[in-house]
Structure formats: structure tokens, C-alpha cells
Amino acid sequence: MRHVLPVLVLLHASAPLANGTAGVRPHASAPSASGAASTRTHASSSVGPSRASAPAASSTPEARDVLLRRLVARVALAQVRRQDAAWHPDQRDCAGLIRFAFRSAYKQVAPDRLSSPLWRDGRGRPSDFADAEVLLQHSFQRLGRDDATREALRTGDVLAFRQEQDAGPIFHLMLVVRPEDRAHAPARVVYHPGEKGAAVRTGVLHHLVTEAPLEWRPVPQNASFLGFFRFKEWMS
């Protein structure tokens, strides 16, 4: 069953969301972040293709995490230009983008970690699949909802929204990409809007805060905004 929701226009028309993979809760229709269309080529070309050669893994956990974050950004942004054939079409929704980017990064930097699944299912058991709600419940940890938390976000962190609908709550996730040198470029969000065949989108996080419809702004005043989240294995 397809859920189509009306969405206000920010600067570019946004597509309504449909159900993702079978068994996945549908995701609410996400707004187009300001500047997405004009920055697609630059964003994806600046980080290279998602199948870039693997960097040399460091022996220190801290350095490994930096490489993982960098590759998560590279893979996610590469999907803006062209969605990788390795990303199964049935998995292409907001949660699927996060799963694909993380798994691709670990495959290059720490393949041994993939000997067991990255995620947890609804019962907390290791699983290769988890929808947006389950990812938030079992694989990511909430950092907060305020401006200070937003300013402290790092690449690979997630913005989460929950929209209440007659059929039940609908969740949507956006991935944060923030340059290590913050003077180089602003923080961005990358996300799949959920509609079958839709393009992956990117835009400036600050524009989302100030220009998106209220229900999509990652600010404390928005009751639909669940907060900022981080992968539990990166909480150290």
C-alpha cells in the first residue's frame, strides 16, 4: 500500500514517499534541502566514486573511525550522482541508504567486522536488515535535539523525524556529511526520499534548519523531530 503525503515546496519540488522494502514502515515525504539540485555534481565528484580503492586501515580505533566516516560520506554522496548497482532497488529508501553506506565503508576499512551483522532487529538480535524505526531503537543512540548538539554533529550521524499519520507513525532519516575542516564547506544532509525510483538528494543542513517547512526542521520547536543520533559503535 502506498502512502502519498502532501509536502510544501522549499526551493525544489519534493517527491511524495511510498513504502520501501516489504515489511518496512513507510517514510514520510522529505523536503528538498536548499541547494540540492545545484550541488549534486560537485558533491559527488568531490568525494570520488563509491567504489574507490580502500585506504590503508590504521591500527588505532580512532583513525579507523575517521576513515569509516569519510567513506560513509563518499558512498552516500556518490548515490546523488548515480545510485550504485550494488545497492538493491528494493532497499532504496532512507534507511536503506544508511545501511548501504555503512556496509560499503566497513567492507573497505574493516571487513572483519562484517563477519556478523552491523544492525539489530526489533528483538535486539544481529540482523543485516533494520528499517528506520528499528535502526533508531537498537543500533543508534540519541545525542540530543538542541542547537549545541547540531553544531557537534559528525559525518555519519543521523537526523530522525517521526510523522503521525492515520495508519500509524512514519519515520524518516537523513545522513549528516560534515567536512573534517569545517571552514572548507558547510555540513550537509544526504537522504533518499523513499519513493520508488527517486533520486538521492543532498542539501545544506543550515538551510534545512531555517528554510524547510516546520515539520521538517531539525529544531527543538518541531515535535516531529526526534533528534540527532549516532551509531552506537561510534559512541566512544
C-alpha atoms as a PDB file:
ATOM      1  CA  MET A   1       0.000   0.000   0.000  1.00  0.00           C
ATOM      2  CA  ARG A   2       1.421   3.391  -0.984  1.00  0.00           C
ATOM      3  CA  HIS A   3       1.190   6.389   1.314  1.00  0.00           C
ATOM      4  CA  VAL A   4       1.416   9.720  -0.505  1.00  0.00           C
ATOM      5  CA  LEU A   5       1.639  12.832   1.642  1.00  0.00           C
ATOM      6  CA  PRO A   6       1.358  16.486   0.599  1.00  0.00           C
ATOM      7  CA  VAL A   7       4.577  18.444   1.080  1.00  0.00           C
ATOM      8  CA  LEU A   8       5.288  22.153   0.975  1.00  0.00           C
ATOM      9  CA  VAL A   9       7.874  23.300  -1.538  1.00  0.00           C
ATOM     10  CA  LEU A  10      11.134  24.606  -0.116  1.00  0.00           C
ATOM     11  CA  LEU A  11      13.219  25.611  -3.121  1.00  0.00           C
ATOM     12  CA  HIS A  12      12.833  22.499  -5.233  1.00  0.00           C
ATOM     13  CA  ALA A  13       9.772  20.278  -5.551  1.00  0.00           C
ATOM     14  CA  SER A  14       9.907  17.258  -3.297  1.00  0.00           C
ATOM     15  CA  ALA A  15       8.620  13.828  -4.142  1.00  0.00           C
ATOM     16  CA  PRO A  16       5.997  12.035  -2.051  1.00  0.00           C
ATOM     17  CA  LEU A  17       7.143   8.944  -0.266  1.00  0.00           C
ATOM     18  CA  ALA A  18       5.977   5.443  -0.821  1.00  0.00           C
ATOM     19  CA  ASN A  19       6.537   2.281   1.130  1.00  0.00           C
ATOM     20  CA  GLY A  20      10.071   0.999   0.984  1.00  0.00           C
ATOM     21  CA  THR A  21      11.006  -2.633   1.098  1.00  0.00           C
ATOM     22  CA  ALA A  22       8.309  -5.113   2.029  1.00  0.00           C
ATOM     23  CA  GLY A  23       7.954  -5.162   5.768  1.00  0.00           C
ATOM     24  CA  VAL A  24       9.437  -1.662   6.189  1.00  0.00           C
ATOM     25  CA  ARG A  25       7.353   1.102   7.691  1.00  0.00           C
ATOM     26  CA  PRO A  26       6.695   3.814   5.074  1.00  0.00           C
ATOM     27  CA  HIS A  27       8.654   7.029   5.338  1.00  0.00           C
ATOM     28  CA  ALA A  28       7.170  10.494   5.336  1.00  0.00           C
ATOM     29  CA  SER A  29       7.786  12.642   2.309  1.00  0.00           C
ATOM     30  CA  ALA A  30      11.016  14.550   2.844  1.00  0.00           C
ATOM     31  CA  PRO A  31      11.563  18.130   1.723  1.00  0.00           C
ATOM     32  CA  SER A  32      14.179  19.083  -0.824  1.00  0.00           C
ATOM     33  CA  ALA A  33      17.042  20.682   1.034  1.00  0.00           C
ATOM     34  CA  SER A  34      18.057  24.055  -0.328  1.00  0.00           C
ATOM     35  CA  GLY A  35      20.741  23.907  -2.998  1.00  0.00           C
ATOM     36  CA  ALA A  36      20.376  20.189  -3.678  1.00  0.00           C
ATOM     37  CA  ALA A  37      19.967  20.373  -7.439  1.00  0.00           C
ATOM     38  CA  SER A  38      22.779  22.853  -7.960  1.00  0.00           C
ATOM     39  CA  THR A  39      25.274  20.903  -5.861  1.00  0.00           C
ATOM     40  CA  ARG A  40      24.760  17.325  -6.972  1.00  0.00           C
ATOM     41  CA  THR A  41      27.663  17.133  -9.386  1.00  0.00           C
ATOM     42  CA  HIS A  42      30.048  18.991  -7.117  1.00  0.00           C
ATOM     43  CA  ALA A  43      29.117  16.986  -4.057  1.00  0.00           C
ATOM     44  CA  SER A  44      29.539  13.595  -5.665  1.00  0.00           C
ATOM     45  CA  SER A  45      32.643  14.384  -7.705  1.00  0.00           C
ATOM     46  CA  SER A  46      34.467  15.901  -4.748  1.00  0.00           C
ATOM     47  CA  VAL A  47      34.499  12.634  -2.859  1.00  0.00           C
ATOM     48  CA  GLY A  48      35.000  10.254  -5.752  1.00  0.00           C
ATOM     49  CA  PRO A  49      33.060   7.122  -6.681  1.00  0.00           C
ATOM     50  CA  SER A  50      31.632   4.808  -4.083  1.00  0.00           C
ATOM     51  CA  ARG A  51      33.900   2.021  -5.296  1.00  0.00           C
ATOM     52  CA  ALA A  52      37.087   3.926  -4.585  1.00  0.00           C
ATOM     53  CA  SER A  53      40.114   1.897  -3.631  1.00  0.00           C
ATOM     54  CA  ALA A  54      40.233   1.086   0.050  1.00  0.00           C
ATOM     55  CA  PRO A  55      42.523   3.290   2.167  1.00  0.00           C
ATOM     56  CA  ALA A  56      45.104   1.668   4.339  1.00  0.00           C
ATOM     57  CA  ALA A  57      43.447   0.759   7.620  1.00  0.00           C
ATOM     58  CA  SER A  58      45.071   2.191  10.731  1.00  0.00           C
ATOM     59  CA  SER A  59      45.841   0.183  13.827  1.00  0.00           C
ATOM     60  CA  THR A  60      44.175   2.728  16.107  1.00  0.00           C
ATOM     61  CA  PRO A  61      40.393   2.663  16.618  1.00  0.00           C
ATOM     62  CA  GLU A  62      40.216   6.459  16.399  1.00  0.00           C
ATOM     63  CA  ALA A  63      41.915   6.584  12.994  1.00  0.00           C
ATOM     64  CA  ARG A  64      39.763   3.715  11.756  1.00  0.00           C
ATOM     65  CA  ASP A  65      36.600   5.573  12.748  1.00  0.00           C
ATOM     66  CA  VAL A  66      37.787   8.653  10.828  1.00  0.00           C
ATOM     67  CA  LEU A  67      38.260   6.505   7.719  1.00  0.00           C
ATOM     68  CA  LEU A  68      34.869   4.892   8.185  1.00  0.00           C
ATOM     69  CA  ARG A  69      33.148   8.258   8.467  1.00  0.00           C
ATOM     70  CA  ARG A  70      34.977   9.537   5.405  1.00  0.00           C
ATOM     71  CA  LEU A  71      33.898   6.539   3.342  1.00  0.00           C
ATOM     72  CA  VAL A  72      30.303   6.714   4.581  1.00  0.00           C
ATOM     73  CA  ALA A  73      30.236  10.276   3.223  1.00  0.00           C
ATOM     74  CA  ARG A  74      31.866   9.247  -0.045  1.00  0.00           C
ATOM     75  CA  VAL A  75      29.433   6.408  -0.658  1.00  0.00           C
ATOM     76  CA  ALA A  76      26.341   8.410   0.309  1.00  0.00           C
ATOM     77  CA  LEU A  77      27.253  11.405  -1.861  1.00  0.00           C
ATOM     78  CA  ALA A  78      28.132   9.176  -4.795  1.00  0.00           C
ATOM     79  CA  GLN A  79      24.500   7.982  -4.795  1.00  0.00           C
ATOM     80  CA  VAL A  80      23.377  11.563  -5.526  1.00  0.00           C
ATOM     81  CA  ARG A  81      25.106  11.407  -8.886  1.00  0.00           C
ATOM     82  CA  ARG A  82      24.239   7.806  -9.695  1.00  0.00           C
ATOM     83  CA  GLN A  83      22.860   5.048  -7.498  1.00  0.00           C
ATOM     84  CA  ASP A  84      25.227   2.128  -7.294  1.00  0.00           C
ATOM     85  CA  ALA A  85      24.034  -1.103  -8.902  1.00  0.00           C
ATOM     86  CA  ALA A  86      25.207  -2.902  -5.758  1.00  0.00           C
ATOM     87  CA  TRP A  87      22.501  -1.070  -3.807  1.00  0.00           C
ATOM     88  CA  HIS A  88      19.498  -3.312  -4.415  1.00  0.00           C
ATOM     89  CA  PRO A  89      16.463  -1.398  -5.771  1.00  0.00           C
ATOM     90  CA  ASP A  90      14.212  -2.978  -3.136  1.00  0.00           C
ATOM     91  CA  GLN A  91      16.426  -1.455  -0.425  1.00  0.00           C
ATOM     92  CA  ARG A  92      16.371   2.094  -1.763  1.00  0.00           C
ATOM     93  CA  ASP A  93      14.771   4.233   0.902  1.00  0.00           C
ATOM     94  CA  CYS A  94      16.088   6.471   3.671  1.00  0.00           C
ATOM     95  CA  ALA A  95      17.154   3.622   5.961  1.00  0.00           C
ATOM     96  CA  GLY A  96      18.485   1.657   3.001  1.00  0.00           C
ATOM     97  CA  LEU A  97      20.867   4.480   2.101  1.00  0.00           C
ATOM     98  CA  ILE A  98      22.316   4.413   5.614  1.00  0.00           C
ATOM     99  CA  ARG A  99      22.664   0.628   5.628  1.00  0.00           C
ATOM    100  CA  PHE A 100      24.334   0.651   2.211  1.00  0.00           C
ATOM    101  CA  ALA A 101      26.752   3.490   3.021  1.00  0.00           C
ATOM    102  CA  PHE A 102      27.816   1.966   6.348  1.00  0.00           C
ATOM    103  CA  ARG A 103      28.218  -1.536   4.963  1.00  0.00           C
ATOM    104  CA  SER A 104      30.232  -0.265   1.987  1.00  0.00           C
ATOM    105  CA  ALA A 105      32.530   1.704   4.296  1.00  0.00           C
ATOM    106  CA  TYR A 106      33.134  -1.249   6.607  1.00  0.00           C
ATOM    107  CA  LYS A 107      33.754  -3.519   3.630  1.00  0.00           C
ATOM    108  CA  GLN A 108      36.689  -1.314   2.623  1.00  0.00           C
ATOM    109  CA  VAL A 109      38.112  -0.365   6.017  1.00  0.00           C
ATOM    110  CA  ALA A 110      37.179  -3.164   8.436  1.00  0.00           C
ATOM    111  CA  PRO A 111      35.815  -6.171   6.507  1.00  0.00           C
ATOM    112  CA  ASP A 112      36.253  -8.458   9.514  1.00  0.00           C
ATOM    113  CA  ARG A 113      33.500  -6.506  11.276  1.00  0.00           C
ATOM    114  CA  LEU A 114      31.054  -7.767   8.650  1.00  0.00           C
ATOM    115  CA  SER A 115      31.512 -11.352   9.805  1.00  0.00           C
ATOM    116  CA  SER A 116      28.491 -10.517  11.965  1.00  0.00           C
ATOM    117  CA  PRO A 117      25.653  -8.125  11.011  1.00  0.00           C
ATOM    118  CA  LEU A 118      26.030  -4.416  11.688  1.00  0.00           C
ATOM    119  CA  TRP A 119      22.435  -3.932  12.809  1.00  0.00           C
ATOM    120  CA  ARG A 120      19.928  -5.263  15.351  1.00  0.00           C
ATOM    121  CA  ASP A 121      16.395  -6.339  14.582  1.00  0.00           C
ATOM    122  CA  GLY A 122      13.264  -5.471  16.554  1.00  0.00           C
ATOM    123  CA  ARG A 123      14.214  -8.014  19.228  1.00  0.00           C
ATOM    124  CA  GLY A 124      17.782  -6.766  19.504  1.00  0.00           C
ATOM    125  CA  ARG A 125      19.270  -9.692  17.607  1.00  0.00           C
ATOM    126  CA  PRO A 126      22.037  -9.231  14.986  1.00  0.00           C
ATOM    127  CA  SER A 127      20.492  -8.605  11.582  1.00  0.00           C
ATOM    128  CA  ASP A 128      21.518  -7.449   8.116  1.00  0.00           C
ATOM    129  CA  PHE A 129      18.234  -5.545   7.821  1.00  0.00           C
ATOM    130  CA  ALA A 130      16.526  -2.967  10.006  1.00  0.00           C
ATOM    131  CA  ASP A 131      14.026  -0.318   8.995  1.00  0.00           C
ATOM    132  CA  ALA A 132      14.276   3.302  10.102  1.00  0.00           C
ATOM    133  CA  GLU A 133      12.424   2.830  13.384  1.00  0.00           C
ATOM    134  CA  VAL A 134      14.389  -0.259  14.362  1.00  0.00           C
ATOM    135  CA  LEU A 135      17.712   1.356  13.457  1.00  0.00           C
ATOM    136  CA  LEU A 136      16.932   4.177  15.873  1.00  0.00           C
ATOM    137  CA  GLN A 137      15.786   1.834  18.626  1.00  0.00           C
ATOM    138  CA  HIS A 138      18.622  -0.692  18.562  1.00  0.00           C
ATOM    139  CA  SER A 139      21.619   0.481  16.500  1.00  0.00           C
ATOM    140  CA  PHE A 140      21.806   4.244  17.050  1.00  0.00           C
ATOM    141  CA  GLN A 141      21.934   6.320  20.211  1.00  0.00           C
ATOM    142  CA  ARG A 142      20.189   9.660  20.644  1.00  0.00           C
ATOM    143  CA  LEU A 143      22.559  12.585  21.132  1.00  0.00           C
ATOM    144  CA  GLY A 144      20.015  15.346  21.730  1.00  0.00           C
ATOM    145  CA  ARG A 145      17.766  17.806  19.900  1.00  0.00           C
ATOM    146  CA  ASP A 146      19.252  21.235  20.628  1.00  0.00           C
ATOM    147  CA  ASP A 147      21.409  23.653  18.643  1.00  0.00           C
ATOM    148  CA  ALA A 148      24.577  22.724  20.526  1.00  0.00           C
ATOM    149  CA  THR A 149      24.143  19.070  19.590  1.00  0.00           C
ATOM    150  CA  ARG A 150      23.583  20.035  15.956  1.00  0.00           C
ATOM    151  CA  GLU A 151      26.830  22.000  15.925  1.00  0.00           C
ATOM    152  CA  ALA A 152      28.713  18.982  17.321  1.00  0.00           C
ATOM    153  CA  LEU A 153      27.467  16.527  14.687  1.00  0.00           C
ATOM    154  CA  ARG A 154      29.950  14.472  12.708  1.00  0.00           C
ATOM    155  CA  THR A 155      29.753  12.649   9.407  1.00  0.00           C
ATOM    156  CA  GLY A 156      27.679   9.506   9.753  1.00  0.00           C
ATOM    157  CA  ASP A 157      25.333  10.950  12.371  1.00  0.00           C
ATOM    158  CA  VAL A 158      21.620  10.917  11.594  1.00  0.00           C
ATOM    159  CA  LEU A 159      18.661  13.293  11.771  1.00  0.00           C
ATOM    160  CA  ALA A 160      15.409  11.483  12.586  1.00  0.00           C
ATOM    161  CA  PHE A 161      11.785  12.522  12.127  1.00  0.00           C
ATOM    162  CA  ARG A 162       8.506  10.877  13.064  1.00  0.00           C
ATOM    163  CA  GLN A 163       5.292  11.987  11.400  1.00  0.00           C
ATOM    164  CA  GLU A 164       1.992  10.850  12.902  1.00  0.00           C
ATOM    165  CA  GLN A 165      -0.441   9.522  10.291  1.00  0.00           C
ATOM    166  CA  ASP A 166      -3.819   7.746  10.473  1.00  0.00           C
ATOM    167  CA  ALA A 167      -2.128   4.467   9.543  1.00  0.00           C
ATOM    168  CA  GLY A 168       0.490   4.906  12.249  1.00  0.00           C
ATOM    169  CA  PRO A 169       3.806   6.691  12.769  1.00  0.00           C
ATOM    170  CA  ILE A 170       6.063   7.228   9.756  1.00  0.00           C
ATOM    171  CA  PHE A 171       9.825   7.629  10.204  1.00  0.00           C
ATOM    172  CA  HIS A 172      12.406   9.373   8.059  1.00  0.00           C
ATOM    173  CA  LEU A 173      16.203   9.540   8.372  1.00  0.00           C
ATOM    174  CA  MET A 174      18.802  11.895   6.909  1.00  0.00           C
ATOM    175  CA  LEU A 175      22.550  11.262   6.959  1.00  0.00           C
ATOM    176  CA  VAL A 176      24.933  14.031   8.022  1.00  0.00           C
ATOM    177  CA  VAL A 177      28.064  14.781   5.995  1.00  0.00           C
ATOM    178  CA  ARG A 178      30.367  17.292   7.687  1.00  0.00           C
ATOM    179  CA  PRO A 179      33.886  18.087   6.412  1.00  0.00           C
ATOM    180  CA  GLU A 180      36.645  17.453   8.911  1.00  0.00           C
ATOM    181  CA  ASP A 181      37.809  21.005   8.204  1.00  0.00           C
ATOM    182  CA  ARG A 182      34.633  22.959   8.937  1.00  0.00           C
ATOM    183  CA  ALA A 183      35.984  26.059   7.235  1.00  0.00           C
ATOM    184  CA  HIS A 184      36.106  24.159   3.950  1.00  0.00           C
ATOM    185  CA  ALA A 185      32.379  23.559   3.466  1.00  0.00           C
ATOM    186  CA  PRO A 186      29.108  23.543   5.445  1.00  0.00           C
ATOM    187  CA  ALA A 187      27.527  20.445   6.930  1.00  0.00           C
ATOM    188  CA  ARG A 188      25.129  18.703   4.566  1.00  0.00           C
ATOM    189  CA  VAL A 189      22.352  16.151   4.754  1.00  0.00           C
ATOM    190  CA  VAL A 190      22.019  13.279   2.266  1.00  0.00           C
ATOM    191  CA  TYR A 191      18.835  11.248   2.039  1.00  0.00           C
ATOM    192  CA  HIS A 192      16.595   9.122  -0.133  1.00  0.00           C
ATOM    193  CA  PRO A 193      13.011  10.467  -0.125  1.00  0.00           C
ATOM    194  CA  GLY A 194      11.570   6.936  -0.168  1.00  0.00           C
ATOM    195  CA  GLU A 195       9.582   6.980  -3.389  1.00  0.00           C
ATOM    196  CA  LYS A 196      10.386   4.077  -5.705  1.00  0.00           C
ATOM    197  CA  GLY A 197      12.830   5.234  -8.366  1.00  0.00           C
ATOM    198  CA  ALA A 198      13.529   8.555  -6.641  1.00  0.00           C
ATOM    199  CA  ALA A 199      16.920  10.199  -6.713  1.00  0.00           C
ATOM    200  CA  VAL A 200      19.072  10.587  -3.621  1.00  0.00           C
ATOM    201  CA  ARG A 201      19.166  14.214  -2.516  1.00  0.00           C
ATOM    202  CA  THR A 202      21.584  16.449  -0.686  1.00  0.00           C
ATOM    203  CA  GLY A 203      21.433  19.946   0.747  1.00  0.00           C
ATOM    204  CA  VAL A 204      22.932  22.221   3.353  1.00  0.00           C
ATOM    205  CA  LEU A 205      21.957  21.387   6.934  1.00  0.00           C
ATOM    206  CA  HIS A 206      21.630  25.038   7.926  1.00  0.00           C
ATOM    207  CA  HIS A 207      19.137  25.605   5.103  1.00  0.00           C
ATOM    208  CA  LEU A 208      17.062  22.706   6.392  1.00  0.00           C
ATOM    209  CA  VAL A 209      17.040  24.360   9.823  1.00  0.00           C
ATOM    210  CA  THR A 210      15.942  27.769   8.548  1.00  0.00           C
ATOM    211  CA  GLU A 211      14.000  27.204   5.320  1.00  0.00           C
ATOM    212  CA  ALA A 212      12.254  23.826   5.430  1.00  0.00           C
ATOM    213  CA  PRO A 213       8.589  23.506   6.431  1.00  0.00           C
ATOM    214  CA  LEU A 214       8.405  23.447  10.221  1.00  0.00           C
ATOM    215  CA  GLU A 215       7.627  19.719  10.401  1.00  0.00           C
ATOM    216  CA  TRP A 216      10.961  19.009   8.699  1.00  0.00           C
ATOM    217  CA  ARG A 217      13.170  21.395  10.624  1.00  0.00           C
ATOM    218  CA  PRO A 218      15.684  19.747  12.993  1.00  0.00           C
ATOM    219  CA  VAL A 219      14.942  22.168  15.813  1.00  0.00           C
ATOM    220  CA  PRO A 220      13.584  21.681  19.368  1.00  0.00           C
ATOM    221  CA  GLN A 221      10.353  23.513  18.500  1.00  0.00           C
ATOM    222  CA  ASN A 222       9.407  20.792  15.989  1.00  0.00           C
ATOM    223  CA  ALA A 223       7.528  17.989  17.743  1.00  0.00           C
ATOM    224  CA  SER A 224       8.109  15.733  14.717  1.00  0.00           C
ATOM    225  CA  PHE A 225      11.870  15.971  15.118  1.00  0.00           C
ATOM    226  CA  LEU A 226      13.147  13.035  17.192  1.00  0.00           C
ATOM    227  CA  GLY A 227      16.705  14.295  17.459  1.00  0.00           C
ATOM    228  CA  PHE A 228      20.239  13.616  16.311  1.00  0.00           C
ATOM    229  CA  PHE A 229      21.561  10.073  16.528  1.00  0.00           C
ATOM    230  CA  ARG A 230      24.943   8.323  16.310  1.00  0.00           C
ATOM    231  CA  PHE A 231      25.854   4.726  15.527  1.00  0.00           C
ATOM    232  CA  LYS A 232      26.338   3.046  18.901  1.00  0.00           C
ATOM    233  CA  GLU A 233      29.705   1.567  17.931  1.00  0.00           C
ATOM    234  CA  TRP A 234      30.993   5.127  17.366  1.00  0.00           C
ATOM    235  CA  MET A 235      29.957   6.485  20.755  1.00  0.00           C
ATOM    236  CA  SER A 236      33.394   6.296  22.374  1.00  0.00           C
END
